[in-house]
Amino acid sequence: QLQLVESGGGSVQPGGSLRLSCAASTRIFSIFVLGWYRQAPGKQRELVADITGSHSTNYADSVKSRFTISRDNAKNTVYLQMNSLKPEDTARYYCNARGRYETASSGSWGQGTQVTVSS
């Protein structure tokens, strides 16, 4: 069973930055599509960004030009650099790993890390 552990969440003022990390417990990390999802209270979980094994990326429109997803296969880690944070970015952020032809719901999830953007 693939285990994912997120870190790096916290509280920040609007306009600030945070970097989330997600470490995976597998040596075959490189084959997975890795994603960051978020869920705010009373809302559905939504895709923030994902990255393939060949480093192709995809972003939600709401975070384009502000967030950057990256991966380090040697460290079995995926990152989410979040800049120019807004109050609407407040949510619990989850890391996901899935096979290329799997859906996110069929993949593995971390327990999440809370991000709060407030003045």
N, C-alpha and C. Protein backbone atom coordinates (compact mmCIF):
# COMPACT_ATOMS: atom_id res chain seq x y z
N GLN A 1 0.84 -1.19 0.00
CA GLN A 1 0.00 0.00 0.00
C GLN A 1 0.88 1.24 0.00
N LEU A 2 0.67 2.10 -1.00
CA LEU A 2 1.43 3.33 -1.09
C LEU A 2 1.01 4.28 0.01
N GLN A 3 1.99 4.82 0.72
CA GLN A 3 1.71 5.81 1.76
C GLN A 3 2.22 7.17 1.32
N LEU A 4 1.40 8.19 1.56
CA LEU A 4 1.74 9.56 1.22
C LEU A 4 1.62 10.42 2.47
N VAL A 5 2.63 11.25 2.71
CA VAL A 5 2.64 12.10 3.90
C VAL A 5 2.90 13.54 3.47
N GLU A 6 1.89 14.39 3.71
CA GLU A 6 2.01 15.81 3.36
C GLU A 6 2.60 16.61 4.51
N SER A 7 3.23 17.72 4.17
CA SER A 7 3.72 18.66 5.16
C SER A 7 3.80 20.04 4.53
N GLY A 8 3.97 21.06 5.38
CA GLY A 8 4.18 22.41 4.88
C GLY A 8 2.99 23.34 4.96
N GLY A 9 1.86 22.84 5.42
CA GLY A 9 0.71 23.72 5.56
C GLY A 9 0.88 24.68 6.71
N GLY A 10 -0.07 25.61 6.85
CA GLY A 10 0.00 26.56 7.93
C GLY A 10 -0.90 27.74 7.66
N SER A 11 -0.69 28.77 8.44
CA SER A 11 -1.47 30.00 8.29
C SER A 11 -0.60 31.09 7.69
N VAL A 12 -1.17 31.85 6.79
CA VAL A 12 -0.42 32.90 6.11
C VAL A 12 -1.37 34.04 5.75
N GLN A 13 -0.83 35.22 5.64
CA GLN A 13 -1.64 36.37 5.25
C GLN A 13 -1.84 36.39 3.73
N PRO A 14 -2.89 37.05 3.28
CA PRO A 14 -3.09 37.19 1.83
C PRO A 14 -1.86 37.78 1.16
N GLY A 15 -1.52 37.20 0.01
CA GLY A 15 -0.31 37.62 -0.68
C GLY A 15 0.92 36.83 -0.31
N GLY A 16 0.82 36.03 0.73
CA GLY A 16 1.96 35.26 1.18
C GLY A 16 2.17 33.99 0.38
N SER A 17 3.17 33.22 0.81
CA SER A 17 3.55 31.99 0.11
C SER A 17 3.69 30.83 1.08
N LEU A 18 3.44 29.64 0.57
CA LEU A 18 3.69 28.40 1.28
C LEU A 18 4.18 27.36 0.28
N ARG A 19 4.94 26.41 0.79
CA ARG A 19 5.37 25.29 -0.04
C ARG A 19 4.95 23.99 0.62
N LEU A 20 4.12 23.25 -0.06
CA LEU A 20 3.69 21.95 0.44
C LEU A 20 4.59 20.86 -0.13
N SER A 21 4.82 19.83 0.68
CA SER A 21 5.59 18.68 0.25
C SER A 21 4.78 17.41 0.50
N CYS A 22 5.00 16.41 -0.32
CA CYS A 22 4.34 15.12 -0.14
C CYS A 22 5.37 14.03 -0.42
N ALA A 23 5.69 13.26 0.59
CA ALA A 23 6.67 12.19 0.47
C ALA A 23 5.96 10.85 0.33
N ALA A 24 6.42 10.04 -0.60
CA ALA A 24 5.80 8.75 -0.87
C ALA A 24 6.71 7.61 -0.46
N SER A 25 6.11 6.51 -0.09
CA SER A 25 6.85 5.35 0.41
C SER A 25 7.03 4.30 -0.68
N THR A 26 7.62 4.69 -1.80
CA THR A 26 7.79 3.72 -2.86
C THR A 26 8.98 4.08 -3.74
N ARG A 27 9.64 3.05 -4.23
CA ARG A 27 10.75 3.29 -5.14
C ARG A 27 10.30 3.44 -6.58
N ILE A 28 9.02 3.12 -6.85
CA ILE A 28 8.52 3.24 -8.22
C ILE A 28 7.70 4.51 -8.36
N PHE A 29 8.03 5.45 -7.56
CA PHE A 29 7.37 6.75 -7.51
C PHE A 29 7.25 7.38 -8.88
N SER A 30 8.27 7.20 -9.72
CA SER A 30 8.36 7.93 -10.98
C SER A 30 7.23 7.58 -11.95
N ILE A 31 6.56 6.43 -11.79
CA ILE A 31 5.55 6.04 -12.75
C ILE A 31 4.19 6.64 -12.45
N PHE A 32 4.04 7.23 -11.28
CA PHE A 32 2.74 7.72 -10.87
C PHE A 32 2.46 9.13 -11.36
N VAL A 33 1.19 9.38 -11.63
CA VAL A 33 0.71 10.74 -11.81
C VAL A 33 0.43 11.27 -10.41
N LEU A 34 1.00 12.39 -10.09
CA LEU A 34 0.87 12.96 -8.75
C LEU A 34 0.03 14.23 -8.80
N GLY A 35 -0.84 14.35 -7.84
CA GLY A 35 -1.70 15.51 -7.84
C GLY A 35 -1.88 16.12 -6.47
N TRP A 36 -2.19 17.38 -6.45
CA TRP A 36 -2.62 18.09 -5.24
C TRP A 36 -4.09 18.45 -5.42
N TYR A 37 -4.87 18.11 -4.43
CA TYR A 37 -6.29 18.42 -4.40
C TYR A 37 -6.56 19.23 -3.13
N ARG A 38 -7.68 19.92 -3.11
CA ARG A 38 -8.04 20.65 -1.90
C ARG A 38 -9.54 20.56 -1.66
N GLN A 39 -9.87 20.68 -0.39
CA GLN A 39 -11.28 20.65 -0.02
C GLN A 39 -11.53 21.67 1.07
N ALA A 40 -12.39 22.61 0.75
CA ALA A 40 -12.79 23.62 1.72
C ALA A 40 -14.07 23.15 2.41
N PRO A 41 -14.35 23.65 3.60
CA PRO A 41 -15.56 23.24 4.32
C PRO A 41 -16.81 23.45 3.48
N GLY A 42 -17.63 22.41 3.38
CA GLY A 42 -18.88 22.50 2.64
C GLY A 42 -18.74 22.42 1.14
N LYS A 43 -17.52 22.17 0.66
CA LYS A 43 -17.30 22.09 -0.79
C LYS A 43 -16.72 20.73 -1.17
N GLN A 44 -16.84 20.41 -2.44
CA GLN A 44 -16.27 19.16 -2.93
C GLN A 44 -14.76 19.29 -3.08
N ARG A 45 -14.11 18.14 -3.01
CA ARG A 45 -12.67 18.12 -3.25
C ARG A 45 -12.42 18.45 -4.72
N GLU A 46 -11.42 19.29 -4.96
CA GLU A 46 -11.14 19.70 -6.33
C GLU A 46 -9.66 19.58 -6.65
N LEU A 47 -9.38 19.34 -7.92
CA LEU A 47 -8.00 19.27 -8.38
C LEU A 47 -7.39 20.66 -8.36
N VAL A 48 -6.19 20.75 -7.80
CA VAL A 48 -5.42 21.98 -7.84
C VAL A 48 -4.40 21.92 -8.98
N ALA A 49 -3.63 20.84 -8.99
CA ALA A 49 -2.61 20.66 -10.02
C ALA A 49 -2.18 19.20 -10.03
N ASP A 50 -1.73 18.73 -11.19
CA ASP A 50 -1.12 17.41 -11.22
C ASP A 50 0.05 17.40 -12.18
N ILE A 51 0.87 16.35 -12.06
CA ILE A 51 2.10 16.25 -12.84
C ILE A 51 2.34 14.79 -13.17
N THR A 52 2.67 14.54 -14.43
CA THR A 52 2.90 13.16 -14.87
C THR A 52 4.35 12.75 -14.62
N GLY A 53 4.63 11.50 -14.91
CA GLY A 53 5.99 11.01 -14.77
C GLY A 53 6.98 11.72 -15.68
N SER A 54 6.50 12.25 -16.79
CA SER A 54 7.36 13.00 -17.71
C SER A 54 7.31 14.50 -17.45
N HIS A 55 6.74 14.86 -16.30
CA HIS A 55 6.72 16.25 -15.81
C HIS A 55 5.76 17.16 -16.57
N SER A 56 4.80 16.60 -17.28
CA SER A 56 3.73 17.43 -17.85
C SER A 56 2.80 17.86 -16.72
N THR A 57 2.40 19.12 -16.74
CA THR A 57 1.61 19.65 -15.63
C THR A 57 0.24 20.16 -16.10
N ASN A 58 -0.65 20.20 -15.14
CA ASN A 58 -2.01 20.66 -15.38
C ASN A 58 -2.46 21.41 -14.15
N TYR A 59 -3.11 22.57 -14.34
CA TYR A 59 -3.51 23.41 -13.22
C TYR A 59 -4.98 23.80 -13.32
N ALA A 60 -5.60 23.95 -12.17
CA ALA A 60 -6.92 24.56 -12.12
C ALA A 60 -6.78 26.02 -12.53
N ASP A 61 -7.78 26.54 -13.22
CA ASP A 61 -7.73 27.93 -13.68
C ASP A 61 -7.51 28.90 -12.52
N SER A 62 -8.06 28.58 -11.38
CA SER A 62 -8.01 29.49 -10.23
C SER A 62 -6.61 29.65 -9.64
N VAL A 63 -5.69 28.74 -10.00
CA VAL A 63 -4.35 28.81 -9.40
C VAL A 63 -3.26 29.03 -10.44
N LYS A 64 -3.63 29.03 -11.71
CA LYS A 64 -2.63 29.24 -12.76
C LYS A 64 -1.88 30.54 -12.53
N SER A 65 -0.61 30.52 -12.76
CA SER A 65 0.34 31.62 -12.60
C SER A 65 0.67 31.93 -11.14
N ARG A 66 -0.02 31.27 -10.20
CA ARG A 66 0.28 31.49 -8.78
C ARG A 66 0.91 30.26 -8.13
N PHE A 67 0.49 29.09 -8.56
CA PHE A 67 0.98 27.84 -7.97
C PHE A 67 1.85 27.11 -8.97
N THR A 68 2.82 26.37 -8.44
CA THR A 68 3.68 25.55 -9.29
C THR A 68 3.85 24.17 -8.66
N ILE A 69 3.54 23.13 -9.43
CA ILE A 69 3.74 21.77 -8.97
C ILE A 69 5.04 21.24 -9.56
N SER A 70 5.77 20.48 -8.77
CA SER A 70 7.01 19.88 -9.24
C SER A 70 7.22 18.56 -8.52
N ARG A 71 8.12 17.76 -9.03
CA ARG A 71 8.40 16.47 -8.42
C ARG A 71 9.88 16.19 -8.47
N ASP A 72 10.35 15.46 -7.47
CA ASP A 72 11.72 15.00 -7.41
C ASP A 72 11.65 13.48 -7.25
N ASN A 73 11.80 12.77 -8.34
CA ASN A 73 11.65 11.32 -8.29
C ASN A 73 12.73 10.66 -7.45
N ALA A 74 13.90 11.25 -7.40
CA ALA A 74 14.98 10.68 -6.59
C ALA A 74 14.64 10.73 -5.10
N LYS A 75 13.82 11.70 -4.72
CA LYS A 75 13.43 11.84 -3.31
C LYS A 75 12.01 11.35 -3.06
N ASN A 76 11.37 10.80 -4.10
CA ASN A 76 9.98 10.32 -3.96
C ASN A 76 9.08 11.41 -3.38
N THR A 77 9.24 12.62 -3.86
CA THR A 77 8.53 13.75 -3.28
C THR A 77 7.93 14.63 -4.37
N VAL A 78 6.73 15.12 -4.10
CA VAL A 78 6.08 16.09 -4.97
C VAL A 78 5.84 17.36 -4.16
N TYR A 79 5.95 18.50 -4.81
CA TYR A 79 5.85 19.79 -4.14
C TYR A 79 4.74 20.64 -4.76
N LEU A 80 4.24 21.56 -3.98
CA LEU A 80 3.33 22.57 -4.50
C LEU A 80 3.76 23.91 -3.92
N GLN A 81 4.34 24.74 -4.77
CA GLN A 81 4.72 26.10 -4.37
C GLN A 81 3.52 27.00 -4.61
N MET A 82 3.08 27.64 -3.56
CA MET A 82 1.89 28.48 -3.63
C MET A 82 2.28 29.92 -3.32
N ASN A 83 2.12 30.79 -4.30
CA ASN A 83 2.42 32.21 -4.15
C ASN A 83 1.16 33.04 -4.29
N SER A 84 1.23 34.28 -3.86
CA SER A 84 0.10 35.21 -3.97
C SER A 84 -1.19 34.57 -3.44
N LEU A 85 -1.08 33.99 -2.27
CA LEU A 85 -2.23 33.27 -1.71
C LEU A 85 -3.39 34.20 -1.41
N LYS A 86 -4.58 33.65 -1.60
CA LYS A 86 -5.82 34.40 -1.40
C LYS A 86 -6.66 33.69 -0.33
N PRO A 87 -7.55 34.41 0.32
CA PRO A 87 -8.42 33.75 1.32
C PRO A 87 -9.18 32.56 0.73
N GLU A 88 -9.54 32.62 -0.54
CA GLU A 88 -10.27 31.52 -1.16
C GLU A 88 -9.40 30.29 -1.40
N ASP A 89 -8.11 30.38 -1.15
CA ASP A 89 -7.23 29.21 -1.21
C ASP A 89 -7.27 28.41 0.09
N THR A 90 -7.94 28.94 1.09
CA THR A 90 -8.05 28.24 2.37
C THR A 90 -8.77 26.92 2.19
N ALA A 91 -8.11 25.84 2.59
CA ALA A 91 -8.67 24.49 2.42
C ALA A 91 -7.69 23.49 3.03
N ARG A 92 -8.14 22.26 3.07
CA ARG A 92 -7.23 21.17 3.41
C ARG A 92 -6.71 20.62 2.08
N TYR A 93 -5.40 20.51 1.98
CA TYR A 93 -4.75 20.09 0.74
C TYR A 93 -4.30 18.64 0.86
N TYR A 94 -4.63 17.88 -0.15
CA TYR A 94 -4.34 16.46 -0.16
C TYR A 94 -3.45 16.09 -1.34
N CYS A 95 -2.53 15.19 -1.08
CA CYS A 95 -1.67 14.64 -2.12
C CYS A 95 -2.32 13.35 -2.64
N ASN A 96 -2.20 13.12 -3.93
CA ASN A 96 -2.77 11.92 -4.55
C ASN A 96 -1.75 11.32 -5.51
N ALA A 97 -1.70 10.00 -5.54
CA ALA A 97 -0.85 9.29 -6.49
C ALA A 97 -1.70 8.23 -7.19
N ARG A 98 -1.62 8.20 -8.49
CA ARG A 98 -2.43 7.24 -9.24
C ARG A 98 -1.63 6.74 -10.43
N GLY A 99 -2.04 5.57 -10.91
CA GLY A 99 -1.46 5.07 -12.14
C GLY A 99 -1.94 5.93 -13.30
N ARG A 100 -1.26 5.82 -14.41
CA ARG A 100 -1.54 6.67 -15.55
C ARG A 100 -2.98 6.56 -16.03
N TYR A 101 -3.56 5.37 -15.93
CA TYR A 101 -4.91 5.16 -16.46
C TYR A 101 -5.95 5.02 -15.35
N GLU A 102 -5.54 5.37 -14.13
CA GLU A 102 -6.48 5.34 -13.01
C GLU A 102 -7.11 6.71 -12.82
N THR A 103 -8.23 6.71 -12.11
CA THR A 103 -8.79 7.97 -11.65
C THR A 103 -8.19 8.30 -10.29
N ALA A 104 -8.27 9.56 -9.92
CA ALA A 104 -7.73 9.96 -8.63
C ALA A 104 -8.41 9.20 -7.49
N SER A 105 -9.70 8.97 -7.62
CA SER A 105 -10.43 8.29 -6.54
C SER A 105 -9.96 6.86 -6.36
N SER A 106 -9.37 6.29 -7.39
CA SER A 106 -8.85 4.92 -7.31
C SER A 106 -7.41 4.88 -6.82
N GLY A 107 -6.79 6.05 -6.70
CA GLY A 107 -5.40 6.12 -6.30
C GLY A 107 -5.23 6.18 -4.79
N SER A 108 -4.06 6.59 -4.37
CA SER A 108 -3.73 6.69 -2.94
C SER A 108 -3.76 8.15 -2.51
N TRP A 109 -4.19 8.35 -1.27
CA TRP A 109 -4.32 9.70 -0.72
C TRP A 109 -3.52 9.84 0.56
N GLY A 110 -3.00 11.05 0.76
CA GLY A 110 -2.44 11.38 2.05
C GLY A 110 -3.54 11.86 2.98
N GLN A 111 -3.16 12.18 4.20
CA GLN A 111 -4.15 12.62 5.19
C GLN A 111 -4.45 14.10 5.09
N GLY A 112 -3.66 14.82 4.35
CA GLY A 112 -3.93 16.23 4.12
C GLY A 112 -3.17 17.15 5.06
N THR A 113 -3.05 18.39 4.61
CA THR A 113 -2.42 19.43 5.42
C THR A 113 -3.25 20.71 5.25
N GLN A 114 -3.48 21.39 6.36
CA GLN A 114 -4.37 22.56 6.33
C GLN A 114 -3.62 23.81 5.90
N VAL A 115 -4.24 24.55 5.00
CA VAL A 115 -3.73 25.86 4.58
C VAL A 115 -4.81 26.89 4.89
N THR A 116 -4.44 27.90 5.65
CA THR A 116 -5.38 28.96 6.02
C THR A 116 -4.78 30.30 5.60
N VAL A 117 -5.54 31.04 4.80
CA VAL A 117 -5.10 32.35 4.33
C VAL A 117 -6.05 33.39 4.90
N SER A 118 -5.52 34.19 5.79
CA SER A 118 -6.38 35.15 6.49
C SER A 118 -5.55 36.31 7.01
N SER A 119 -6.18 37.48 7.03
CA SER A 119 -5.50 38.64 7.59
C SER A 119 -5.87 38.81 9.06
